[in-house]
Amino acid sequence: MDDRDEVSQLLARIALRDAKAFEALYRLVASRLMAVAMRVVQDRAMAEDVLQEVFITIWNQAIAAAPGQKLTLAWLCVVTRNRSIDLLRKRKPEQPLHWHDENGDEHSHDIQ
């Protein structure tokens, strides 16, 4: 059995609330999904957050798949990519504590 068939079977078992299948799926695909998230967000902590959200979604929504719909590794990758993009969109731009203006004068935020 190749990984694609195994992923589909594990997802079907997860829809039945099989915790061992969930654990097996994590071991099988977490590194691949982490790579997808890292490619998009370029930050390990954010990618880990995405991965956590994806696995929560898998546990909560695998049961909602249409009868006969075969969920696949490709589906997991798309979910991961979309969650990564969503996280980037929600993230507020970071502002440095110290910066130089166009005249070269140094400024800093008051952080008291």
PDB file of N, CA and C in Angstrom:
ATOM      1  N   MET A   1       0.857  -1.178   0.000  1.00  0.00           N
ATOM      2  CA  MET A   1       0.000   0.000   0.000  1.00  0.00           C
ATOM      3  C   MET A   1       0.899   1.235   0.000  1.00  0.00           C
ATOM      4  N   ASP A   2       0.618   2.191  -0.882  1.00  0.00           N
ATOM      5  CA  ASP A   2       1.429   3.403  -0.877  1.00  0.00           C
ATOM      6  C   ASP A   2       0.846   4.409   0.112  1.00  0.00           C
ATOM      7  N   ASP A   3       1.586   5.497   0.336  1.00  0.00           N
ATOM      8  CA  ASP A   3       1.183   6.492   1.328  1.00  0.00           C
ATOM      9  C   ASP A   3      -0.181   7.099   1.035  1.00  0.00           C
ATOM     10  N   ARG A   4      -0.478   7.287  -0.262  1.00  0.00           N
ATOM     11  CA  ARG A   4      -1.764   7.912  -0.598  1.00  0.00           C
ATOM     12  C   ARG A   4      -2.939   7.067  -0.141  1.00  0.00           C
ATOM     13  N   ASP A   5      -2.853   5.760  -0.380  1.00  0.00           N
ATOM     14  CA  ASP A   5      -3.933   4.869   0.059  1.00  0.00           C
ATOM     15  C   ASP A   5      -3.994   4.815   1.580  1.00  0.00           C
ATOM     16  N   GLU A   6      -2.824   4.783   2.200  1.00  0.00           N
ATOM     17  CA  GLU A   6      -2.785   4.726   3.663  1.00  0.00           C
ATOM     18  C   GLU A   6      -3.395   5.990   4.270  1.00  0.00           C
ATOM     19  N   VAL A   7      -3.084   7.152   3.711  1.00  0.00           N
ATOM     20  CA  VAL A   7      -3.649   8.408   4.201  1.00  0.00           C
ATOM     21  C   VAL A   7      -5.166   8.372   4.088  1.00  0.00           C
ATOM     22  N   SER A   8      -5.681   7.948   2.964  1.00  0.00           N
ATOM     23  CA  SER A   8      -7.135   7.881   2.762  1.00  0.00           C
ATOM     24  C   SER A   8      -7.793   6.949   3.769  1.00  0.00           C
ATOM     25  N   GLN A   9      -7.179   5.810   4.003  1.00  0.00           N
ATOM     26  CA  GLN A   9      -7.735   4.856   4.968  1.00  0.00           C
ATOM     27  C   GLN A   9      -7.684   5.406   6.382  1.00  0.00           C
ATOM     28  N   LEU A  10      -6.584   6.057   6.727  1.00  0.00           N
ATOM     29  CA  LEU A  10      -6.481   6.646   8.065  1.00  0.00           C
ATOM     30  C   LEU A  10      -7.509   7.752   8.255  1.00  0.00           C
ATOM     31  N   LEU A  11      -7.700   8.583   7.249  1.00  0.00           N
ATOM     32  CA  LEU A  11      -8.707   9.644   7.347  1.00  0.00           C
ATOM     33  C   LEU A  11     -10.113   9.067   7.503  1.00  0.00           C
ATOM     34  N   ALA A  12     -10.375   7.982   6.826  1.00  0.00           N
ATOM     35  CA  ALA A  12     -11.687   7.329   6.977  1.00  0.00           C
ATOM     36  C   ALA A  12     -11.873   6.815   8.401  1.00  0.00           C
ATOM     37  N   ARG A  13     -10.812   6.273   8.969  1.00  0.00           N
ATOM     38  CA  ARG A  13     -10.877   5.781  10.362  1.00  0.00           C
ATOM     39  C   ARG A  13     -10.987   6.943  11.349  1.00  0.00           C
ATOM     40  N   ILE A  14     -10.335   8.052  11.049  1.00  0.00           N
ATOM     41  CA  ILE A  14     -10.434   9.227  11.920  1.00  0.00           C
ATOM     42  C   ILE A  14     -11.862   9.752  11.941  1.00  0.00           C
ATOM     43  N   ALA A  15     -12.550   9.671  10.815  1.00  0.00           N
ATOM     44  CA  ALA A  15     -13.957  10.083  10.761  1.00  0.00           C
ATOM     45  C   ALA A  15     -14.804   9.267  11.727  1.00  0.00           C
ATOM     46  N   LEU A  16     -14.336   8.065  12.052  1.00  0.00           N
ATOM     47  CA  LEU A  16     -15.024   7.205  13.027  1.00  0.00           C
ATOM     48  C   LEU A  16     -14.476   7.412  14.436  1.00  0.00           C
ATOM     49  N   ARG A  17     -13.637   8.441  14.597  1.00  0.00           N
ATOM     50  CA  ARG A  17     -13.045   8.822  15.886  1.00  0.00           C
ATOM     51  C   ARG A  17     -12.024   7.811  16.400  1.00  0.00           C
ATOM     52  N   ASP A  18     -11.225   7.283  15.497  1.00  0.00           N
ATOM     53  CA  ASP A  18     -10.169   6.329  15.849  1.00  0.00           C
ATOM     54  C   ASP A  18      -8.902   7.112  16.197  1.00  0.00           C
ATOM     55  N   ALA A  19      -8.589   7.212  17.489  1.00  0.00           N
ATOM     56  CA  ALA A  19      -7.442   7.987  17.961  1.00  0.00           C
ATOM     57  C   ALA A  19      -6.121   7.382  17.494  1.00  0.00           C
ATOM     58  N   LYS A  20      -6.054   6.067  17.393  1.00  0.00           N
ATOM     59  CA  LYS A  20      -4.821   5.426  16.926  1.00  0.00           C
ATOM     60  C   LYS A  20      -4.566   5.764  15.450  1.00  0.00           C
ATOM     61  N   ALA A  21      -5.605   5.864  14.666  1.00  0.00           N
ATOM     62  CA  ALA A  21      -5.465   6.260  13.269  1.00  0.00           C
ATOM     63  C   ALA A  21      -4.987   7.707  13.189  1.00  0.00           C
ATOM     64  N   PHE A  22      -5.474   8.544  14.079  1.00  0.00           N
ATOM     65  CA  PHE A  22      -5.054   9.944  14.123  1.00  0.00           C
ATOM     66  C   PHE A  22      -3.560  10.039  14.422  1.00  0.00           C
ATOM     67  N   GLU A  23      -3.121   9.274  15.387  1.00  0.00           N
ATOM     68  CA  GLU A  23      -1.698   9.245  15.740  1.00  0.00           C
ATOM     69  C   GLU A  23      -0.849   8.721  14.571  1.00  0.00           C
ATOM     70  N   ALA A  24      -1.324   7.677  13.924  1.00  0.00           N
ATOM     71  CA  ALA A  24      -0.600   7.104  12.779  1.00  0.00           C
ATOM     72  C   ALA A  24      -0.528   8.111  11.630  1.00  0.00           C
ATOM     73  N   LEU A  25      -1.624   8.840  11.395  1.00  0.00           N
ATOM     74  CA  LEU A  25      -1.627   9.853  10.342  1.00  0.00           C
ATOM     75  C   LEU A  25      -0.616  10.946  10.663  1.00  0.00           C
ATOM     76  N   TYR A  26      -0.584  11.355  11.910  1.00  0.00           N
ATOM     77  CA  TYR A  26       0.373  12.396  12.305  1.00  0.00           C
ATOM     78  C   TYR A  26       1.802  11.936  12.014  1.00  0.00           C
ATOM     79  N   ARG A  27       2.127  10.730  12.433  1.00  0.00           N
ATOM     80  CA  ARG A  27       3.483  10.209  12.197  1.00  0.00           C
ATOM     81  C   ARG A  27       3.791  10.118  10.701  1.00  0.00           C
ATOM     82  N   LEU A  28       2.783   9.815   9.908  1.00  0.00           N
ATOM     83  CA  LEU A  28       2.981   9.614   8.471  1.00  0.00           C
ATOM     84  C   LEU A  28       3.151  10.922   7.700  1.00  0.00           C
ATOM     85  N   VAL A  29       2.380  11.946   8.043  1.00  0.00           N
ATOM     86  CA  VAL A  29       2.348  13.139   7.189  1.00  0.00           C
ATOM     87  C   VAL A  29       2.783  14.441   7.843  1.00  0.00           C
ATOM     88  N   ALA A  30       3.013  14.474   9.131  1.00  0.00           N
ATOM     89  CA  ALA A  30       3.318  15.747   9.805  1.00  0.00           C
ATOM     90  C   ALA A  30       4.534  16.443   9.210  1.00  0.00           C
ATOM     91  N   SER A  31       5.575  15.690   8.904  1.00  0.00           N
ATOM     92  CA  SER A  31       6.782  16.338   8.361  1.00  0.00           C
ATOM     93  C   SER A  31       6.511  16.938   6.979  1.00  0.00           C
ATOM     94  N   ARG A  32       5.710  16.280   6.187  1.00  0.00           N
ATOM     95  CA  ARG A  32       5.382  16.813   4.856  1.00  0.00           C
ATOM     96  C   ARG A  32       4.539  18.078   4.964  1.00  0.00           C
ATOM     97  N   LEU A  33       3.554  18.036   5.870  1.00  0.00           N
ATOM     98  CA  LEU A  33       2.695  19.198   6.038  1.00  0.00           C
ATOM     99  C   LEU A  33       3.466  20.362   6.652  1.00  0.00           C
ATOM    100  N   MET A  34       4.402  20.048   7.538  1.00  0.00           N
ATOM    101  CA  MET A  34       5.245  21.090   8.118  1.00  0.00           C
ATOM    102  C   MET A  34       6.060  21.762   7.019  1.00  0.00           C
ATOM    103  N   ALA A  35       6.557  20.988   6.073  1.00  0.00           N
ATOM    104  CA  ALA A  35       7.326  21.551   4.957  1.00  0.00           C
ATOM    105  C   ALA A  35       6.458  22.478   4.113  1.00  0.00           C
ATOM    106  N   VAL A  36       5.207  22.099   3.895  1.00  0.00           N
ATOM    107  CA  VAL A  36       4.285  22.954   3.128  1.00  0.00           C
ATOM    108  C   VAL A  36       4.077  24.272   3.871  1.00  0.00           C
ATOM    109  N   ALA A  37       3.815  24.183   5.167  1.00  0.00           N
ATOM    110  CA  ALA A  37       3.585  25.389   5.963  1.00  0.00           C
ATOM    111  C   ALA A  37       4.836  26.271   6.001  1.00  0.00           C
ATOM    112  N   MET A  38       5.997  25.668   6.174  1.00  0.00           N
ATOM    113  CA  MET A  38       7.250  26.434   6.216  1.00  0.00           C
ATOM    114  C   MET A  38       7.498  27.159   4.903  1.00  0.00           C
ATOM    115  N   ARG A  39       7.176  26.507   3.798  1.00  0.00           N
ATOM    116  CA  ARG A  39       7.368  27.118   2.492  1.00  0.00           C
ATOM    117  C   ARG A  39       6.543  28.401   2.369  1.00  0.00           C
ATOM    118  N   VAL A  40       5.369  28.411   2.987  1.00  0.00           N
ATOM    119  CA  VAL A  40       4.487  29.571   2.871  1.00  0.00           C
ATOM    120  C   VAL A  40       4.819  30.645   3.910  1.00  0.00           C
ATOM    121  N   VAL A  41       4.935  30.248   5.183  1.00  0.00           N
ATOM    122  CA  VAL A  41       5.069  31.261   6.242  1.00  0.00           C
ATOM    123  C   VAL A  41       6.512  31.646   6.553  1.00  0.00           C
ATOM    124  N   GLN A  42       7.487  30.801   6.186  1.00  0.00           N
ATOM    125  CA  GLN A  42       8.902  31.095   6.396  1.00  0.00           C
ATOM    126  C   GLN A  42       9.260  31.343   7.863  1.00  0.00           C
ATOM    127  N   ASP A  43       8.537  30.709   8.782  1.00  0.00           N
ATOM    128  CA  ASP A  43       8.795  30.876  10.208  1.00  0.00           C
ATOM    129  C   ASP A  43       8.378  29.593  10.915  1.00  0.00           C
ATOM    130  N   ARG A  44       9.303  28.985  11.659  1.00  0.00           N
ATOM    131  CA  ARG A  44       9.035  27.682  12.269  1.00  0.00           C
ATOM    132  C   ARG A  44       7.880  27.728  13.269  1.00  0.00           C
ATOM    133  N   ALA A  45       7.850  28.730  14.128  1.00  0.00           N
ATOM    134  CA  ALA A  45       6.783  28.817  15.133  1.00  0.00           C
ATOM    135  C   ALA A  45       5.413  28.956  14.471  1.00  0.00           C
ATOM    136  N   MET A  46       5.351  29.798  13.438  1.00  0.00           N
ATOM    137  CA  MET A  46       4.080  29.953  12.727  1.00  0.00           C
ATOM    138  C   MET A  46       3.694  28.656  12.018  1.00  0.00           C
ATOM    139  N   ALA A  47       4.669  27.982  11.437  1.00  0.00           N
ATOM    140  CA  ALA A  47       4.390  26.717  10.746  1.00  0.00           C
ATOM    141  C   ALA A  47       3.876  25.673  11.731  1.00  0.00           C
ATOM    142  N   GLU A  48       4.422  25.659  12.930  1.00  0.00           N
ATOM    143  CA  GLU A  48       3.933  24.722  13.957  1.00  0.00           C
ATOM    144  C   GLU A  48       2.499  25.047  14.345  1.00  0.00           C
ATOM    145  N   ASP A  49       2.166  26.338  14.428  1.00  0.00           N
ATOM    146  CA  ASP A  49       0.783  26.742  14.714  1.00  0.00           C
ATOM    147  C   ASP A  49      -0.155  26.276  13.615  1.00  0.00           C
ATOM    148  N   VAL A  50       0.285  26.437  12.381  1.00  0.00           N
ATOM    149  CA  VAL A  50      -0.520  25.988  11.238  1.00  0.00           C
ATOM    150  C   VAL A  50      -0.742  24.485  11.325  1.00  0.00           C
ATOM    151  N   LEU A  51       0.327  23.744  11.583  1.00  0.00           N
ATOM    152  CA  LEU A  51       0.224  22.289  11.654  1.00  0.00           C
ATOM    153  C   LEU A  51      -0.770  21.866  12.736  1.00  0.00           C
ATOM    154  N   GLN A  52      -0.710  22.529  13.880  1.00  0.00           N
ATOM    155  CA  GLN A  52      -1.654  22.223  14.953  1.00  0.00           C
ATOM    156  C   GLN A  52      -3.093  22.480  14.501  1.00  0.00           C
ATOM    157  N   GLU A  53      -3.320  23.615  13.867  1.00  0.00           N
ATOM    158  CA  GLU A  53      -4.661  23.934  13.379  1.00  0.00           C
ATOM    159  C   GLU A  53      -5.146  22.913  12.351  1.00  0.00           C
ATOM    160  N   VAL A  54      -4.254  22.488  11.481  1.00  0.00           N
ATOM    161  CA  VAL A  54      -4.627  21.514  10.456  1.00  0.00           C
ATOM    162  C   VAL A  54      -5.053  20.201  11.112  1.00  0.00           C
ATOM    163  N   PHE A  55      -4.306  19.742  12.092  1.00  0.00           N
ATOM    164  CA  PHE A  55      -4.660  18.477  12.723  1.00  0.00           C
ATOM    165  C   PHE A  55      -5.930  18.596  13.564  1.00  0.00           C
ATOM    166  N   ILE A  56      -6.185  19.749  14.138  1.00  0.00           N
ATOM    167  CA  ILE A  56      -7.460  19.965  14.829  1.00  0.00           C
ATOM    168  C   ILE A  56      -8.603  19.894  13.817  1.00  0.00           C
ATOM    169  N   THR A  57      -8.391  20.518  12.669  1.00  0.00           N
ATOM    170  CA  THR A  57      -9.401  20.475  11.599  1.00  0.00           C
ATOM    171  C   THR A  57      -9.644  19.040  11.140  1.00  0.00           C
ATOM    172  N   ILE A  58      -8.570  18.292  10.981  1.00  0.00           N
ATOM    173  CA  ILE A  58      -8.707  16.891  10.559  1.00  0.00           C
ATOM    174  C   ILE A  58      -9.568  16.134  11.559  1.00  0.00           C
ATOM    175  N   TRP A  59      -9.277  16.283  12.829  1.00  0.00           N
ATOM    176  CA  TRP A  59     -10.028  15.551  13.855  1.00  0.00           C
ATOM    177  C   TRP A  59     -11.488  15.983  13.879  1.00  0.00           C
ATOM    178  N   ASN A  60     -11.721  17.288  13.762  1.00  0.00           N
ATOM    179  CA  ASN A  60     -13.085  17.806  13.876  1.00  0.00           C
ATOM    180  C   ASN A  60     -13.914  17.691  12.608  1.00  0.00           C
ATOM    181  N   GLN A  61     -13.271  17.653  11.424  1.00  0.00           N
ATOM    182  CA  GLN A  61     -14.047  17.718  10.196  1.00  0.00           C
ATOM    183  C   GLN A  61     -13.934  16.510   9.283  1.00  0.00           C
ATOM    184  N   ALA A  62     -13.115  15.537   9.634  1.00  0.00           N
ATOM    185  CA  ALA A  62     -13.013  14.353   8.777  1.00  0.00           C
ATOM    186  C   ALA A  62     -14.372  13.662   8.678  1.00  0.00           C
ATOM    187  N   ILE A  63     -15.133  13.737   9.752  1.00  0.00           N
ATOM    188  CA  ILE A  63     -16.456  13.106   9.755  1.00  0.00           C
ATOM    189  C   ILE A  63     -17.424  13.829   8.813  1.00  0.00           C
ATOM    190  N   ALA A  64     -17.145  15.113   8.521  1.00  0.00           N
ATOM    191  CA  ALA A  64     -18.045  15.909   7.692  1.00  0.00           C
ATOM    192  C   ALA A  64     -17.829  15.692   6.193  1.00  0.00           C
ATOM    193  N   ALA A  65     -16.830  14.904   5.841  1.00  0.00           N
ATOM    194  CA  ALA A  65     -16.592  14.644   4.414  1.00  0.00           C
ATOM    195  C   ALA A  65     -17.814  13.962   3.811  1.00  0.00           C
ATOM    196  N   ALA A  66     -18.080  14.299   2.587  1.00  0.00           N
ATOM    197  CA  ALA A  66     -19.231  13.706   1.905  1.00  0.00           C
ATOM    198  C   ALA A  66     -19.058  12.192   1.814  1.00  0.00           C
ATOM    199  N   PRO A  67     -20.149  11.442   1.958  1.00  0.00           N
ATOM    200  CA  PRO A  67     -20.039   9.988   1.850  1.00  0.00           C
ATOM    201  C   PRO A  67     -19.417   9.599   0.508  1.00  0.00           C
ATOM    202  N   GLY A  68     -18.452   8.737   0.567  1.00  0.00           N
ATOM    203  CA  GLY A  68     -17.792   8.280  -0.648  1.00  0.00           C
ATOM    204  C   GLY A  68     -16.661   9.177  -1.109  1.00  0.00           C
ATOM    205  N   GLN A  69     -16.543  10.362  -0.497  1.00  0.00           N
ATOM    206  CA  GLN A  69     -15.449  11.267  -0.868  1.00  0.00           C
ATOM    207  C   GLN A  69     -14.160  10.725  -0.281  1.00  0.00           C
ATOM    208  N   LYS A  70     -13.158  10.596  -1.116  1.00  0.00           N
ATOM    209  CA  LYS A  70     -11.882  10.057  -0.681  1.00  0.00           C
ATOM    210  C   LYS A  70     -10.949  11.212  -0.352  1.00  0.00           C
ATOM    211  N   LEU A  71     -10.667  11.407   0.944  1.00  0.00           N
ATOM    212  CA  LEU A  71      -9.746  12.451   1.362  1.00  0.00           C
ATOM    213  C   LEU A  71      -8.329  11.935   1.182  1.00  0.00           C
ATOM    214  N   THR A  72      -7.446  12.807   0.711  1.00  0.00           N
ATOM    215  CA  THR A  72      -6.119  12.369   0.315  1.00  0.00           C
ATOM    216  C   THR A  72      -5.036  13.258   0.910  1.00  0.00           C
ATOM    217  N   LEU A  73      -3.792  12.842   0.673  1.00  0.00           N
ATOM    218  CA  LEU A  73      -2.648  13.651   1.074  1.00  0.00           C
ATOM    219  C   LEU A  73      -2.677  14.999   0.356  1.00  0.00           C
ATOM    220  N   ALA A  74      -3.098  15.008  -0.884  1.00  0.00           N
ATOM    221  CA  ALA A  74      -3.206  16.268  -1.631  1.00  0.00           C
ATOM    222  C   ALA A  74      -4.185  17.215  -0.939  1.00  0.00           C
ATOM    223  N   TRP A  75      -5.286  16.681  -0.456  1.00  0.00           N
ATOM    224  CA  TRP A  75      -6.268  17.479   0.285  1.00  0.00           C
ATOM    225  C   TRP A  75      -5.620  18.065   1.536  1.00  0.00           C
ATOM    226  N   LEU A  76      -4.843  17.249   2.247  1.00  0.00           N
ATOM    227  CA  LEU A  76      -4.166  17.729   3.456  1.00  0.00           C
ATOM    228  C   LEU A  76      -3.176  18.847   3.125  1.00  0.00           C
ATOM    229  N   CYS A  77      -2.478  18.716   2.022  1.00  0.00           N
ATOM    230  CA  CYS A  77      -1.518  19.746   1.609  1.00  0.00           C
ATOM    231  C   CYS A  77      -2.226  21.048   1.260  1.00  0.00           C
ATOM    232  N   VAL A  78      -3.361  20.955   0.594  1.00  0.00           N
ATOM    233  CA  VAL A  78      -4.133  22.154   0.240  1.00  0.00           C
ATOM    234  C   VAL A  78      -4.659  22.826   1.508  1.00  0.00           C
ATOM    235  N   VAL A  79      -5.180  22.045   2.444  1.00  0.00           N
ATOM    236  CA  VAL A  79      -5.666  22.598   3.713  1.00  0.00           C
ATOM    237  C   VAL A  79      -4.521  23.308   4.436  1.00  0.00           C
ATOM    238  N   THR A  80      -3.355  22.690   4.472  1.00  0.00           N
ATOM    239  CA  THR A  80      -2.190  23.272   5.140  1.00  0.00           C
ATOM    240  C   THR A  80      -1.768  24.566   4.469  1.00  0.00           C
ATOM    241  N   ARG A  81      -1.712  24.557   3.156  1.00  0.00           N
ATOM    242  CA  ARG A  81      -1.331  25.767   2.412  1.00  0.00           C
ATOM    243  C   ARG A  81      -2.325  26.889   2.680  1.00  0.00           C
ATOM    244  N   ASN A  82      -3.613  26.575   2.631  1.00  0.00           N
ATOM    245  CA  ASN A  82      -4.641  27.598   2.846  1.00  0.00           C
ATOM    246  C   ASN A  82      -4.585  28.156   4.266  1.00  0.00           C
ATOM    247  N   ARG A  83      -4.381  27.290   5.258  1.00  0.00           N
ATOM    248  CA  ARG A  83      -4.259  27.759   6.645  1.00  0.00           C
ATOM    249  C   ARG A  83      -3.036  28.647   6.809  1.00  0.00           C
ATOM    250  N   SER A  84      -1.967  28.311   6.133  1.00  0.00           N
ATOM    251  CA  SER A  84      -0.744  29.116   6.194  1.00  0.00           C
ATOM    252  C   SER A  84      -0.996  30.508   5.631  1.00  0.00           C
ATOM    253  N   ILE A  85      -1.656  30.563   4.494  1.00  0.00           N
ATOM    254  CA  ILE A  85      -1.976  31.853   3.878  1.00  0.00           C
ATOM    255  C   ILE A  85      -2.912  32.654   4.769  1.00  0.00           C
ATOM    256  N   ASP A  86      -3.904  31.987   5.353  1.00  0.00           N
ATOM    257  CA  ASP A  86      -4.831  32.668   6.270  1.00  0.00           C
ATOM    258  C   ASP A  86      -4.081  33.275   7.450  1.00  0.00           C
ATOM    259  N   LEU A  87      -3.125  32.534   8.002  1.00  0.00           N
ATOM    260  CA  LEU A  87      -2.355  33.027   9.138  1.00  0.00           C
ATOM    261  C   LEU A  87      -1.531  34.253   8.742  1.00  0.00           C
ATOM    262  N   LEU A  88      -0.931  34.228   7.567  1.00  0.00           N
ATOM    263  CA  LEU A  88      -0.169  35.390   7.102  1.00  0.00           C
ATOM    264  C   LEU A  88      -1.061  36.611   6.919  1.00  0.00           C
ATOM    265  N   ARG A  89      -2.264  36.405   6.429  1.00  0.00           N
ATOM    266  CA  ARG A  89      -3.184  37.528   6.215  1.00  0.00           C
ATOM    267  C   ARG A  89      -3.625  38.153   7.536  1.00  0.00           C
ATOM    268  N   LYS A  90      -3.784  37.328   8.574  1.00  0.00           N
ATOM    269  CA  LYS A  90      -4.234  37.815   9.879  1.00  0.00           C
ATOM    270  C   LYS A  90      -3.117  38.538  10.644  1.00  0.00           C
ATOM    271  N   ARG A  91      -1.889  38.172  10.340  1.00  0.00           N
ATOM    272  CA  ARG A  91      -0.746  38.693  11.086  1.00  0.00           C
ATOM    273  C   ARG A  91      -0.555  40.184  10.811  1.00  0.00           C
ATOM    274  N   LYS A  92      -0.407  40.946  11.880  1.00  0.00           N
ATOM    275  CA  LYS A  92      -0.168  42.373  11.747  1.00  0.00           C
ATOM    276  C   LYS A  92       1.304  42.598  11.440  1.00  0.00           C
ATOM    277  N   PRO A  93       1.593  43.596  10.650  1.00  0.00           N
ATOM    278  CA  PRO A  93       2.997  43.885  10.351  1.00  0.00           C
ATOM    279  C   PRO A  93       3.753  44.241  11.635  1.00  0.00           C
ATOM    280  N   GLU A  94       4.967  43.748  11.727  1.00  0.00           N
ATOM    281  CA  GLU A  94       5.783  44.043  12.894  1.00  0.00           C
ATOM    282  C   GLU A  94       6.418  45.410  12.737  1.00  0.00           C
ATOM    283  N   GLN A  95       6.486  46.126  13.851  1.00  0.00           N
ATOM    284  CA  GLN A  95       7.149  47.419  13.834  1.00  0.00           C
ATOM    285  C   GLN A  95       8.392  47.310  14.712  1.00  0.00           C
ATOM    286  N   PRO A  96       9.519  47.733  14.201  1.00  0.00           N
ATOM    287  CA  PRO A  96      10.735  47.657  15.008  1.00  0.00           C
ATOM    288  C   PRO A  96      10.681  48.639  16.176  1.00  0.00           C
ATOM    289  N   LEU A  97      11.405  48.333  17.256  1.00  0.00           N
ATOM    290  CA  LEU A  97      11.477  49.238  18.394  1.00  0.00           C
ATOM    291  C   LEU A  97      12.381  50.433  18.084  1.00  0.00           C
ATOM    292  N   HIS A  98      13.373  50.227  17.256  1.00  0.00           N
ATOM    293  CA  HIS A  98      14.292  51.295  16.853  1.00  0.00           C
ATOM    294  C   HIS A  98      14.323  51.358  15.329  1.00  0.00           C
ATOM    295  N   TRP A  99      14.329  52.574  14.782  1.00  0.00           N
ATOM    296  CA  TRP A  99      14.412  52.712  13.343  1.00  0.00           C
ATOM    297  C   TRP A  99      15.031  54.069  12.994  1.00  0.00           C
ATOM    298  N   HIS A 100      15.432  54.199  11.760  1.00  0.00           N
ATOM    299  CA  HIS A 100      15.975  55.454  11.241  1.00  0.00           C
ATOM    300  C   HIS A 100      14.992  56.018  10.220  1.00  0.00           C
ATOM    301  N   ASP A 101      14.748  57.294  10.320  1.00  0.00           N
ATOM    302  CA  ASP A 101      13.863  57.918   9.334  1.00  0.00           C
ATOM    303  C   ASP A 101      14.641  58.253   8.070  1.00  0.00           C
ATOM    304  N   GLU A 102      13.960  58.908   7.124  1.00  0.00           N
ATOM    305  CA  GLU A 102      14.594  59.201   5.835  1.00  0.00           C
ATOM    306  C   GLU A 102      15.773  60.169   5.956  1.00  0.00           C
ATOM    307  N   ASN A 103      15.852  60.925   7.063  1.00  0.00           N
ATOM    308  CA  ASN A 103      16.969  61.844   7.285  1.00  0.00           C
ATOM    309  C   ASN A 103      18.128  61.185   8.030  1.00  0.00           C
ATOM    310  N   GLY A 104      17.941  59.929   8.418  1.00  0.00           N
ATOM    311  CA  GLY A 104      18.985  59.209   9.152  1.00  0.00           C
ATOM    312  C   GLY A 104      18.898  59.376  10.651  1.00  0.00           C
ATOM    313  N   ASP A 105      17.870  60.104  11.117  1.00  0.00           N
ATOM    314  CA  ASP A 105      17.705  60.283  12.577  1.00  0.00           C
ATOM    315  C   ASP A 105      17.133  59.016  13.190  1.00  0.00           C
ATOM    316  N   GLU A 106      17.690  58.640  14.359  1.00  0.00           N
ATOM    317  CA  GLU A 106      17.251  57.420  15.031  1.00  0.00           C
ATOM    318  C   GLU A 106      16.031  57.710  15.897  1.00  0.00           C
ATOM    319  N   HIS A 107      15.076  56.809  15.862  1.00  0.00           N
ATOM    320  CA  HIS A 107      13.859  56.924  16.673  1.00  0.00           C
ATOM    321  C   HIS A 107      13.624  55.586  17.384  1.00  0.00           C
ATOM    322  N   SER A 108      12.805  55.657  18.432  1.00  0.00           N
ATOM    323  CA  SER A 108      12.426  54.416  19.098  1.00  0.00           C
ATOM    324  C   SER A 108      11.042  54.582  19.705  1.00  0.00           C
ATOM    325  N   HIS A 109      10.341  53.483  19.851  1.00  0.00           N
ATOM    326  CA  HIS A 109       9.021  53.484  20.488  1.00  0.00           C
ATOM    327  C   HIS A 109       9.218  53.573  21.996  1.00  0.00           C
ATOM    328  N   ASP A 110       8.313  54.248  22.652  1.00  0.00           N
ATOM    329  CA  ASP A 110       8.343  54.287  24.111  1.00  0.00           C
ATOM    330  C   ASP A 110       7.688  53.002  24.602  1.00  0.00           C
ATOM    331  N   ILE A 111       8.460  52.165  25.262  1.00  0.00           N
ATOM    332  CA  ILE A 111       7.944  50.849  25.674  1.00  0.00           C
ATOM    333  C   ILE A 111       7.716  50.750  27.177  1.00  0.00           C
ATOM    334  N   GLN A 112       7.561  51.891  27.830  1.00  0.00           N
ATOM    335  CA  GLN A 112       7.354  51.879  29.279  1.00  0.00           C
ATOM    336  C   GLN A 112       5.960  51.488  29.627  1.00  0.00           C
TER     337      GLN A 112
END
